[in-house]
C-alpha atoms as a PDB file:
ATOM      1  CA  LYS A   1      41.438  51.917  24.392  1.00  0.00           C
ATOM      2  CA  PHE A   2      42.512  48.646  22.725  1.00  0.00           C
ATOM      3  CA  GLN A   3      40.941  49.622  19.389  1.00  0.00           C
ATOM      4  CA  LYS A   4      42.768  52.957  19.439  1.00  0.00           C
ATOM      5  CA  GLN A   5      46.074  51.108  19.664  1.00  0.00           C
ATOM      6  CA  CYS A   6      45.255  48.832  16.707  1.00  0.00           C
ATOM      7  CA  THR A   7      45.638  50.915  13.608  1.00  0.00           C
ATOM      8  CA  PHE A   8      45.543  48.030  11.112  1.00  0.00           C
ATOM      9  CA  LYS A   9      42.134  47.700   9.431  1.00  0.00           C
ATOM     10  CA  PRO A  10      42.114  44.730   6.997  1.00  0.00           C
ATOM     11  CA  ALA A  11      39.895  44.851   3.921  1.00  0.00           C
ATOM     12  CA  ILE A  12      37.801  41.660   3.964  1.00  0.00           C
ATOM     13  CA  ASN A  13      36.766  40.236   0.618  1.00  0.00           C
ATOM     14  CA  THR A  14      33.182  38.877   0.916  1.00  0.00           C
ATOM     15  CA  TYR A  15      33.009  37.695  -2.698  1.00  0.00           C
ATOM     16  CA  LYS A  16      32.385  33.939  -2.983  1.00  0.00           C
ATOM     17  CA  PRO A  17      33.144  32.459  -6.375  1.00  0.00           C
ATOM     18  CA  PRO A  18      30.529  30.116  -7.855  1.00  0.00           C
ATOM     19  CA  ARG A  19      31.071  26.544  -6.864  1.00  0.00           C
ATOM     20  CA  VAL A  20      32.468  24.540  -9.760  1.00  0.00           C
ATOM     21  CA  GLN A  21      33.390  21.326  -8.007  1.00  0.00           C
ATOM     22  CA  LYS A  22      30.638  18.869  -7.113  1.00  0.00           C
ATOM     23  CA  THR A  23      30.635  17.138  -3.780  1.00  0.00           C
ATOM     24  CA  ASP A  24      31.072  13.400  -3.516  1.00  0.00           C
ATOM     25  CA  ALA A  25      27.448  13.028  -2.406  1.00  0.00           C
ATOM     26  CA  GLU A  26      26.209  14.909  -5.489  1.00  0.00           C
ATOM     27  CA  ARG A  27      28.319  12.790  -7.815  1.00  0.00           C
ATOM     28  CA  LYS A  28      27.082   9.619  -6.091  1.00  0.00           C
ATOM     29  CA  ARG A  29      23.413  10.697  -6.420  1.00  0.00           C
ATOM     30  CA  GLU A  30      23.854  11.508 -10.103  1.00  0.00           C
ATOM     31  CA  ARG A  31      25.599   8.197 -10.746  1.00  0.00           C
ATOM     32  CA  GLU A  32      22.850   6.227  -8.970  1.00  0.00           C
ATOM     33  CA  ALA A  33      20.196   8.105 -10.964  1.00  0.00           C
ATOM     34  CA  ARG A  34      21.964   7.299 -14.253  1.00  0.00           C
ATOM     35  CA  ILE A  35      22.260   3.632 -13.274  1.00  0.00           C
ATOM     36  CA  ALA A  36      18.562   3.451 -12.331  1.00  0.00           C
ATOM     37  CA  GLU A  37      17.532   5.081 -15.627  1.00  0.00           C
ATOM     38  CA  GLU A  38      19.718   2.686 -17.608  1.00  0.00           C
ATOM     39  CA  ARG A  39      18.315  -0.322 -15.723  1.00  0.00           C
ATOM     40  CA  GLN A  40      14.750   0.828 -16.396  1.00  0.00           C
ATOM     41  CA  ARG A  41      15.535   1.400 -20.089  1.00  0.00           C
ATOM     42  CA  ARG A  42      16.953  -2.130 -20.408  1.00  0.00           C
ATOM     43  CA  GLU A  43      13.921  -3.654 -18.688  1.00  0.00           C
ATOM     44  CA  LEU A  44      11.581  -1.835 -21.068  1.00  0.00           C
ATOM     45  CA  GLU A  45      13.603  -3.048 -24.063  1.00  0.00           C
ATOM     46  CA  GLU A  46      13.396  -6.618 -22.754  1.00  0.00           C
ATOM     47  CA  LEU A  47       9.643  -6.350 -22.274  1.00  0.00           C
ATOM     48  CA  ASN A  48       9.188  -4.953 -25.785  1.00  0.00           C
ATOM     49  CA  GLU A  49      10.894  -8.047 -27.165  1.00  0.00           C
ATOM     50  CA  CYS A  50       8.420 -10.352 -25.381  1.00  0.00           C
ATOM     51  CA  SER A  51       5.487 -11.471 -27.493  1.00  0.00           C
ATOM     52  CA  PHE A  52       3.785 -13.577 -24.795  1.00  0.00           C
ATOM     53  CA  GLN A  53       1.087 -11.644 -22.972  1.00  0.00           C
ATOM     54  CA  PRO A  54      -1.071 -13.974 -20.875  1.00  0.00           C
ATOM     55  CA  ARG A  55      -4.721 -13.219 -20.267  1.00  0.00           C
ATOM     56  CA  THR A  56      -5.562 -13.518 -16.611  1.00  0.00           C
ATOM     57  CA  ASN A  57      -8.907 -14.021 -14.895  1.00  0.00           C
ATOM     58  CA  HIS A  58      -8.487 -11.349 -12.250  1.00  0.00           C
ATOM     59  CA  ASP A  59     -11.647  -9.512 -13.303  1.00  0.00           C
ATOM     60  CA  VAL A  60     -13.792 -12.646 -13.700  1.00  0.00           C
ATOM     61  CA  PRO A  61     -15.742 -13.827 -10.627  1.00  0.00           C
ATOM     62  CA  ARG A  62     -14.521 -17.141  -9.261  1.00  0.00           C
ATOM     63  CA  GLU A  63     -17.848 -18.855 -10.035  1.00  0.00           C
ATOM     64  CA  ALA A  64     -17.536 -17.994 -13.725  1.00  0.00           C
ATOM     65  CA  ARG A  65     -13.984 -19.298 -14.168  1.00  0.00           C
ATOM     66  CA  PRO A  66     -13.418 -22.373 -16.324  1.00  0.00           C
ATOM     67  CA  MET A  67     -12.756 -25.868 -15.024  1.00  0.00           C
ATOM     68  CA  ALA A  68      -9.339 -26.650 -13.597  1.00  0.00           C
ATOM     69  CA  ARG A  69      -7.091 -29.331 -15.099  1.00  0.00           C
ATOM     70  CA  THR A  70      -8.625 -31.873 -12.753  1.00  0.00           C
ATOM     71  CA  GLY A  71     -11.963 -31.434 -14.480  1.00  0.00           C
ATOM     72  CA  ARG A  72     -13.498 -29.956 -11.349  1.00  0.00           C
ATOM     73  CA  SER A  73     -14.838 -26.454 -11.214  1.00  0.00           C
ATOM     74  CA  THR A  74     -12.629 -23.912  -9.487  1.00  0.00           C
ATOM     75  CA  ALA A  75     -15.692 -22.240  -7.969  1.00  0.00           C
ATOM     76  CA  VAL A  76     -15.918 -22.348  -4.197  1.00  0.00           C
ATOM     77  CA  LYS A  77     -18.673 -24.752  -3.179  1.00  0.00           C
ATOM     78  CA  PRO A  78     -19.677 -26.098   0.216  1.00  0.00           C
ATOM     79  CA  VAL A  79     -17.945 -29.348   1.119  1.00  0.00           C
ATOM     80  CA  VAL A  80     -20.265 -32.202   1.998  1.00  0.00           C
ATOM     81  CA  VAL A  81     -18.875 -34.495   4.696  1.00  0.00           C
ATOM     82  CA  ARG A  82     -20.811 -37.735   4.848  1.00  0.00           C
ATOM     83  CA  GLY A  83     -21.686 -38.889   8.379  1.00  0.00           C
ATOM     84  CA  LEU A  84     -21.058 -35.504   9.993  1.00  0.00           C
ATOM     85  CA  ALA A  85     -24.597 -35.181  11.330  1.00  0.00           C
ATOM     86  CA  ARG A  86     -24.397 -38.630  12.966  1.00  0.00           C
ATOM     87  CA  HIS A  87     -20.995 -37.807  14.448  1.00  0.00           C
ATOM     88  CA  LEU A  88     -22.297 -34.577  15.988  1.00  0.00           C
ATOM     89  CA  GLU A  89     -25.341 -36.401  17.343  1.00  0.00           C
ATOM     90  CA  LEU A  90     -23.139 -39.022  19.035  1.00  0.00           C
ATOM     91  CA  LYS A  91     -20.838 -36.314  20.393  1.00  0.00           C
ATOM     92  CA  ARG A  92     -23.794 -34.466  21.983  1.00  0.00           C
ATOM     93  CA  HIS A  93     -25.048 -37.729  23.479  1.00  0.00           C
ATOM     94  CA  ALA A  94     -21.571 -38.504  24.925  1.00  0.00           C
ATOM     95  CA  ASN A  95     -21.325 -35.000  26.420  1.00  0.00           C
ATOM     96  CA  LYS A  96     -24.769 -35.381  28.003  1.00  0.00           C
ATOM     97  CA  LEU A  97     -23.744 -38.732  29.536  1.00  0.00           C
ATOM     98  CA  ALA A  98     -20.503 -37.192  30.840  1.00  0.00           C
ATOM     99  CA  GLU A  99     -22.460 -34.379  32.515  1.00  0.00           C
ATOM    100  CA  GLU A 100     -24.798 -36.835  34.262  1.00  0.00           C
ATOM    101  CA  HIS A 101     -21.942 -38.752  35.867  1.00  0.00           C
END
C-alpha cells in the first residue's frame, strides 16, 4: 500500500570513478620505502669507498689460530692448578673427621 503511494522512483548511479587520490597511509608507505632505498644506496656507496677488508679466522679451528699478542697460544688448553690434588685430599680428610664427630 505504501509503495503504491510513492510514485517517485530515483535512478541510482552505480558508477564509481577510478580513485585518483592516494590515502595518507599509502603516501606514508611510499615515502618510507623511498627513504629506506636511499639509505641503503648511501650505505652501499660508503662501503664501496672502503678499501680495508679484514680477514677473519671464523673458519679456522681455534687450535690452529696464531699466537695472541701476549705470546701465548689462543687455543683452549686445560689449566693446571698446582696443589689442587693435595687440597682435595685434605678436604676429604676434613669431611671424614667431621662425619666421625
